[in-house]
Amino acid sequence: MSRRRNRGGASSSAADSGSSVPEASAPAPKRRRRGTPQPPEEIERRRQRKEFAKNKLVELRATIETIQDGSHPNVAAKAEALEAQKAASLKKAGLLRDLKKKEIDQLYAWEEHAAQETCDNALRDIKQEAVAEVEREMRRMQDVVDGKKERVEPNTTRNLRSKAKAEDGNGDGGGMNGDANGDGNGPSLELELEEGDVVGDLKSIHRDWQEVAQRFAASAAGEAALRQVSADRGRLMYGEGLVFQRGHDVVVTSNVTGEDFYGMITNITQSEVSLRLVDGGKSRVYLKHLRSNRCHLKRA
């Protein structure tokens, strides 16, 4: 009791003296003890929070479903962009496939034509040689029928002269039985061709010249003069002023088929130019074909 009075007295004396005393701060809310009932507003707040969480869960589950079936706006926009990218890639791949197929077909056509031409030329040479052999035999038999002396064919003259020389012995090293140099090693000068044989040989030579000239004029190579083409130390000098080397992108145009082949030079030798085509295949162009204008070369 005395302690409370002392505090009261002190307060009254302070008030009497007129000095200012700070007011006491608001007391902190007391923590609810266990077992005490909750205020109604707290119960309502908790109920609203649970209701909001339940609604949010339902909304999130629905969002997952829309994402999985692709109807979500963000997913649908990204899927559309991916579809457009896929379509562009497929279109590019299709164009590249068509280009490669076209180039492969062109390369095959080129090789097929070259192989056929090589075969035809070889077969024509075989036929011509066989016919010439038969004609020589026919002329020899005709001479026998006509009672003429043995014909000396141009392509067998050396052998016949060697045979005549062997029959005459080693010769005396000069004169008509020797050679023009007098050393006994050259062709004999005593065998002569008759006028009919000379005329026949000239006609054969002329006929052969006509056939070659006609083939040349009919081919693409006969349409223009030969082109100056040479290779030196991995460099190709083509025409006037054009120089190609490894790594250059070029276009080879066939004057036979009219097709273009795109590729890069990988090697140059004295006889051919090696190429790697854009489709990854390999090809080669012979310098003799470039010289004869069977095909020509230019920068890509």
Foldseek 3Di string as FASTA:
>chain_A
DVVVVVVVVVVVVCVVVVDDDDDDDDDDDDDDDPPDDDDPVVVVVVVVVVVVVVVVVVVVVVVVVCLVVQNDVVSVVVVVVVVVVVVVVVVVVVVVVVVLVVQVVVVVVVVVVVVVVVVVVVVVVVVVVVVVVVVLVVVQVVCVVVVHPGADAPVCQQVVQVVVLVVVPQDPQDDQSADPVSRRPDGHNPDDHDPVNVVVVVVVVVVVVVVVVVVLCPAPLVVDAFADWFDDPQWIDTHPPDIDGFQFWKWKAAPVVRDIWTFTFHTDDGFWTWTQTPSRDIDIDTVVCRRSPRMHMDGD
